[in-house]
Amino acid sequence: MSHPAFKELQQIPGVGPSIARDLFTLGINHVADLREHDPERLYSRINKIRGKTQDRCLLYVFRCAKYFAETKRPDPERLKWWNWSDENLLAKKRKTRARA
């Protein structure tokens, strides 16, 4: 199955053919569409559609994809999906609190 949206969605760091297909299944046809969606809800919806819980890394890719869609000049380090893991986000939050 090939759709023009797949090529555009694969411009998102960490998104290959499989995740592009997941995004398309969720109604995401353009990178800009991600601006209007909550990554947590996308992850929940794809789990329901697939009938099983997907690897949590998919949520991290969705978080990264939203950042990519919303940010004109993204920080290259934040374009690595693993930096959007629950653990990394919590560590970043703790670090920010410690500075305050």
N, C-alpha and C. Protein backbone atom coordinates (compact mmCIF):
# COMPACT_ATOMS: atom_id res chain seq x y z
N MET A 1 0.86 -1.18 0.00
CA MET A 1 0.00 0.00 0.00
C MET A 1 0.90 1.23 0.00
N SER A 2 0.66 2.10 -0.96
CA SER A 2 1.45 3.32 -1.04
C SER A 2 0.50 4.50 -1.18
N HIS A 3 0.80 5.53 -0.43
CA HIS A 3 -0.02 6.73 -0.44
C HIS A 3 0.95 7.91 -0.34
N PRO A 4 0.66 9.02 -1.01
CA PRO A 4 1.56 10.18 -0.93
C PRO A 4 1.86 10.62 0.51
N ALA A 5 0.93 10.41 1.42
CA ALA A 5 1.13 10.81 2.82
C ALA A 5 2.30 10.05 3.44
N PHE A 6 2.51 8.81 3.03
CA PHE A 6 3.58 8.01 3.63
C PHE A 6 4.94 8.66 3.43
N LYS A 7 5.18 9.17 2.24
CA LYS A 7 6.47 9.80 1.96
C LYS A 7 6.66 11.05 2.84
N GLU A 8 5.63 11.86 2.95
CA GLU A 8 5.73 13.07 3.78
C GLU A 8 5.93 12.70 5.24
N LEU A 9 5.17 11.74 5.74
CA LEU A 9 5.27 11.36 7.15
C LEU A 9 6.64 10.77 7.49
N GLN A 10 7.27 10.14 6.51
CA GLN A 10 8.59 9.56 6.74
C GLN A 10 9.70 10.62 6.80
N GLN A 11 9.36 11.88 6.58
CA GLN A 11 10.33 12.96 6.79
C GLN A 11 10.53 13.23 8.28
N ILE A 12 9.62 12.75 9.10
CA ILE A 12 9.71 12.92 10.54
C ILE A 12 10.81 11.99 11.06
N PRO A 13 11.74 12.52 11.85
CA PRO A 13 12.79 11.65 12.40
C PRO A 13 12.18 10.49 13.20
N GLY A 14 12.67 9.30 12.92
CA GLY A 14 12.20 8.11 13.63
C GLY A 14 10.99 7.44 13.01
N VAL A 15 10.44 8.05 11.97
CA VAL A 15 9.24 7.48 11.33
C VAL A 15 9.65 6.79 10.02
N GLY A 16 9.45 5.48 10.00
CA GLY A 16 9.67 4.70 8.80
C GLY A 16 8.33 4.26 8.23
N PRO A 17 8.35 3.31 7.31
CA PRO A 17 7.10 2.88 6.67
C PRO A 17 6.03 2.38 7.65
N SER A 18 6.41 1.62 8.65
CA SER A 18 5.43 1.06 9.58
C SER A 18 4.75 2.14 10.41
N ILE A 19 5.52 3.07 10.97
CA ILE A 19 4.93 4.12 11.79
C ILE A 19 4.17 5.12 10.90
N ALA A 20 4.65 5.35 9.68
CA ALA A 20 3.90 6.21 8.76
C ALA A 20 2.53 5.59 8.50
N ARG A 21 2.47 4.27 8.37
CA ARG A 21 1.20 3.57 8.17
C ARG A 21 0.31 3.72 9.40
N ASP A 22 0.91 3.62 10.60
CA ASP A 22 0.14 3.82 11.83
C ASP A 22 -0.46 5.23 11.87
N LEU A 23 0.35 6.23 11.58
CA LEU A 23 -0.12 7.61 11.58
C LEU A 23 -1.26 7.80 10.58
N PHE A 24 -1.08 7.24 9.39
CA PHE A 24 -2.10 7.33 8.35
C PHE A 24 -3.40 6.66 8.82
N THR A 25 -3.29 5.52 9.46
CA THR A 25 -4.44 4.82 10.01
C THR A 25 -5.19 5.69 11.02
N LEU A 26 -4.42 6.53 11.73
CA LEU A 26 -5.00 7.43 12.74
C LEU A 26 -5.55 8.72 12.13
N GLY A 27 -5.47 8.83 10.80
CA GLY A 27 -6.00 10.03 10.13
C GLY A 27 -5.00 11.14 9.96
N ILE A 28 -3.73 10.86 10.22
CA ILE A 28 -2.67 11.85 10.03
C ILE A 28 -2.16 11.68 8.59
N ASN A 29 -2.39 12.70 7.77
CA ASN A 29 -1.96 12.64 6.37
C ASN A 29 -0.80 13.58 6.07
N HIS A 30 -0.58 14.53 6.96
CA HIS A 30 0.48 15.53 6.77
C HIS A 30 1.18 15.76 8.10
N VAL A 31 2.44 16.12 8.05
CA VAL A 31 3.19 16.42 9.26
C VAL A 31 2.44 17.45 10.09
N ALA A 32 1.93 18.48 9.45
CA ALA A 32 1.23 19.57 10.16
C ALA A 32 0.00 19.06 10.92
N ASP A 33 -0.59 17.96 10.49
CA ASP A 33 -1.76 17.41 11.19
C ASP A 33 -1.44 17.06 12.64
N LEU A 34 -0.20 16.74 12.91
CA LEU A 34 0.20 16.34 14.27
C LEU A 34 0.07 17.46 15.28
N ARG A 35 0.09 18.69 14.81
CA ARG A 35 -0.03 19.84 15.73
C ARG A 35 -1.33 19.79 16.50
N GLU A 36 -2.34 19.19 15.94
CA GLU A 36 -3.68 19.17 16.53
C GLU A 36 -3.96 17.93 17.37
N HIS A 37 -2.96 17.07 17.53
CA HIS A 37 -3.20 15.79 18.20
C HIS A 37 -2.28 15.59 19.40
N ASP A 38 -2.84 14.95 20.42
CA ASP A 38 -2.11 14.59 21.62
C ASP A 38 -1.45 13.22 21.40
N PRO A 39 -0.11 13.14 21.54
CA PRO A 39 0.56 11.86 21.32
C PRO A 39 0.02 10.72 22.19
N GLU A 40 -0.37 11.02 23.43
CA GLU A 40 -0.90 9.99 24.32
C GLU A 40 -2.21 9.42 23.75
N ARG A 41 -3.04 10.30 23.24
CA ARG A 41 -4.31 9.84 22.65
C ARG A 41 -4.09 9.05 21.36
N LEU A 42 -3.13 9.49 20.55
CA LEU A 42 -2.81 8.74 19.33
C LEU A 42 -2.36 7.32 19.71
N TYR A 43 -1.51 7.24 20.71
CA TYR A 43 -1.00 5.94 21.17
C TYR A 43 -2.16 5.06 21.68
N SER A 44 -3.03 5.62 22.46
CA SER A 44 -4.19 4.88 22.97
C SER A 44 -5.08 4.40 21.83
N ARG A 45 -5.31 5.27 20.86
CA ARG A 45 -6.16 4.91 19.71
C ARG A 45 -5.55 3.79 18.87
N ILE A 46 -4.23 3.86 18.63
CA ILE A 46 -3.61 2.83 17.79
C ILE A 46 -3.63 1.49 18.52
N ASN A 47 -3.51 1.52 19.85
CA ASN A 47 -3.61 0.28 20.63
C ASN A 47 -4.99 -0.34 20.46
N LYS A 48 -6.03 0.48 20.50
CA LYS A 48 -7.40 -0.02 20.32
C LYS A 48 -7.60 -0.57 18.91
N ILE A 49 -7.11 0.16 17.93
CA ILE A 49 -7.25 -0.26 16.53
C ILE A 49 -6.54 -1.60 16.30
N ARG A 50 -5.34 -1.73 16.84
CA ARG A 50 -4.54 -2.94 16.63
C ARG A 50 -5.00 -4.10 17.53
N GLY A 51 -5.78 -3.77 18.57
CA GLY A 51 -6.27 -4.81 19.45
C GLY A 51 -5.25 -5.32 20.45
N LYS A 52 -4.16 -4.59 20.62
CA LYS A 52 -3.15 -4.96 21.61
C LYS A 52 -2.29 -3.73 21.91
N THR A 53 -1.59 -3.79 23.03
CA THR A 53 -0.73 -2.68 23.42
C THR A 53 0.55 -2.72 22.60
N GLN A 54 0.79 -1.63 21.89
CA GLN A 54 2.00 -1.50 21.08
C GLN A 54 3.18 -1.17 22.01
N ASP A 55 4.37 -1.44 21.54
CA ASP A 55 5.56 -1.09 22.31
C ASP A 55 5.51 0.40 22.65
N ARG A 56 5.87 0.73 23.87
CA ARG A 56 5.81 2.10 24.35
C ARG A 56 6.70 3.04 23.52
N CYS A 57 7.68 2.50 22.84
CA CYS A 57 8.54 3.32 21.98
C CYS A 57 7.72 4.05 20.91
N LEU A 58 6.61 3.46 20.51
CA LEU A 58 5.74 4.13 19.54
C LEU A 58 5.22 5.45 20.10
N LEU A 59 4.86 5.47 21.37
CA LEU A 59 4.45 6.71 22.01
C LEU A 59 5.58 7.74 21.96
N TYR A 60 6.81 7.30 22.20
CA TYR A 60 7.95 8.21 22.20
C TYR A 60 8.15 8.81 20.80
N VAL A 61 7.93 8.00 19.78
CA VAL A 61 8.03 8.51 18.40
C VAL A 61 6.91 9.52 18.15
N PHE A 62 5.71 9.24 18.63
CA PHE A 62 4.60 10.19 18.47
C PHE A 62 4.91 11.52 19.15
N ARG A 63 5.51 11.47 20.34
CA ARG A 63 5.88 12.70 21.05
C ARG A 63 6.92 13.48 20.25
N CYS A 64 7.91 12.79 19.75
CA CYS A 64 8.95 13.42 18.94
C CYS A 64 8.35 14.01 17.66
N ALA A 65 7.44 13.29 17.05
CA ALA A 65 6.80 13.74 15.82
C ALA A 65 6.01 15.03 16.05
N LYS A 66 5.32 15.11 17.17
CA LYS A 66 4.57 16.33 17.48
C LYS A 66 5.53 17.51 17.65
N TYR A 67 6.63 17.29 18.37
CA TYR A 67 7.64 18.33 18.54
C TYR A 67 8.15 18.79 17.17
N PHE A 68 8.46 17.84 16.31
CA PHE A 68 8.95 18.15 14.96
C PHE A 68 7.92 18.99 14.19
N ALA A 69 6.66 18.62 14.31
CA ALA A 69 5.59 19.33 13.58
C ALA A 69 5.38 20.74 14.11
N GLU A 70 5.61 20.96 15.39
CA GLU A 70 5.32 22.25 16.01
C GLU A 70 6.51 23.22 16.04
N THR A 71 7.69 22.73 15.73
CA THR A 71 8.90 23.52 15.96
C THR A 71 9.58 23.90 14.64
N LYS A 72 9.76 25.20 14.44
CA LYS A 72 10.38 25.67 13.19
C LYS A 72 11.86 25.28 13.10
N ARG A 73 12.58 25.46 14.19
CA ARG A 73 14.01 25.12 14.21
C ARG A 73 14.27 24.13 15.36
N PRO A 74 13.93 22.87 15.15
CA PRO A 74 14.04 21.90 16.23
C PRO A 74 15.49 21.64 16.65
N ASP A 75 15.65 21.41 17.93
CA ASP A 75 16.94 21.02 18.50
C ASP A 75 17.23 19.59 18.03
N PRO A 76 18.36 19.35 17.36
CA PRO A 76 18.66 18.01 16.84
C PRO A 76 18.61 16.92 17.92
N GLU A 77 18.98 17.26 19.14
CA GLU A 77 18.96 16.27 20.22
C GLU A 77 17.52 15.86 20.55
N ARG A 78 16.60 16.77 20.40
CA ARG A 78 15.19 16.47 20.70
C ARG A 78 14.51 15.74 19.54
N LEU A 79 15.20 15.56 18.44
CA LEU A 79 14.65 14.82 17.31
C LEU A 79 15.01 13.34 17.37
N LYS A 80 15.58 12.92 18.47
CA LYS A 80 15.87 11.51 18.71
C LYS A 80 14.73 10.98 19.58
N TRP A 81 13.96 10.04 19.05
CA TRP A 81 12.74 9.60 19.73
C TRP A 81 12.99 9.10 21.14
N TRP A 82 14.14 8.49 21.40
CA TRP A 82 14.40 7.94 22.74
C TRP A 82 14.53 9.03 23.80
N ASN A 83 14.77 10.27 23.37
CA ASN A 83 14.80 11.38 24.32
C ASN A 83 13.40 11.76 24.81
N TRP A 84 12.38 11.15 24.23
CA TRP A 84 11.00 11.41 24.61
C TRP A 84 10.42 10.29 25.46
N SER A 85 11.28 9.41 25.96
CA SER A 85 10.81 8.33 26.83
C SER A 85 10.32 8.91 28.15
N ASP A 86 9.49 8.16 28.83
CA ASP A 86 8.97 8.60 30.12
C ASP A 86 10.12 8.90 31.08
N GLU A 87 11.11 8.03 31.10
CA GLU A 87 12.26 8.20 32.00
C GLU A 87 13.04 9.48 31.69
N ASN A 88 13.31 9.72 30.42
CA ASN A 88 14.06 10.92 30.04
C ASN A 88 13.29 12.20 30.32
N LEU A 89 12.00 12.19 30.08
CA LEU A 89 11.19 13.38 30.36
C LEU A 89 11.13 13.65 31.86
N LEU A 90 11.02 12.59 32.66
CA LEU A 90 10.99 12.75 34.11
C LEU A 90 12.34 13.27 34.61
N ALA A 91 13.43 12.74 34.09
CA ALA A 91 14.76 13.20 34.49
C ALA A 91 14.95 14.67 34.12
N LYS A 92 14.47 15.06 32.96
CA LYS A 92 14.58 16.46 32.53
C LYS A 92 13.77 17.37 33.47
N LYS A 93 12.58 16.91 33.84
CA LYS A 93 11.73 17.69 34.75
C LYS A 93 12.41 17.86 36.11
N ARG A 94 13.00 16.78 36.60
CA ARG A 94 13.71 16.85 37.90
C ARG A 94 14.88 17.81 37.82
N LYS A 95 15.59 17.76 36.73
CA LYS A 95 16.76 18.63 36.54
C LYS A 95 16.33 20.10 36.51
N THR A 96 15.22 20.38 35.84
CA THR A 96 14.68 21.75 35.76
C THR A 96 14.27 22.24 37.15
N ARG A 97 13.62 21.37 37.92
CA ARG A 97 13.21 21.74 39.28
C ARG A 97 14.41 22.02 40.17
N ALA A 98 15.46 21.24 40.00
CA ALA A 98 16.66 21.41 40.83
C ALA A 98 17.33 22.76 40.57
N ARG A 99 17.23 23.24 39.35
CA ARG A 99 17.82 24.54 38.99
C ARG A 99 17.03 25.71 39.57
N ALA A 100 15.73 25.49 39.77
CA ALA A 100 14.85 26.59 40.22
C ALA A 100 15.05 26.95 41.67
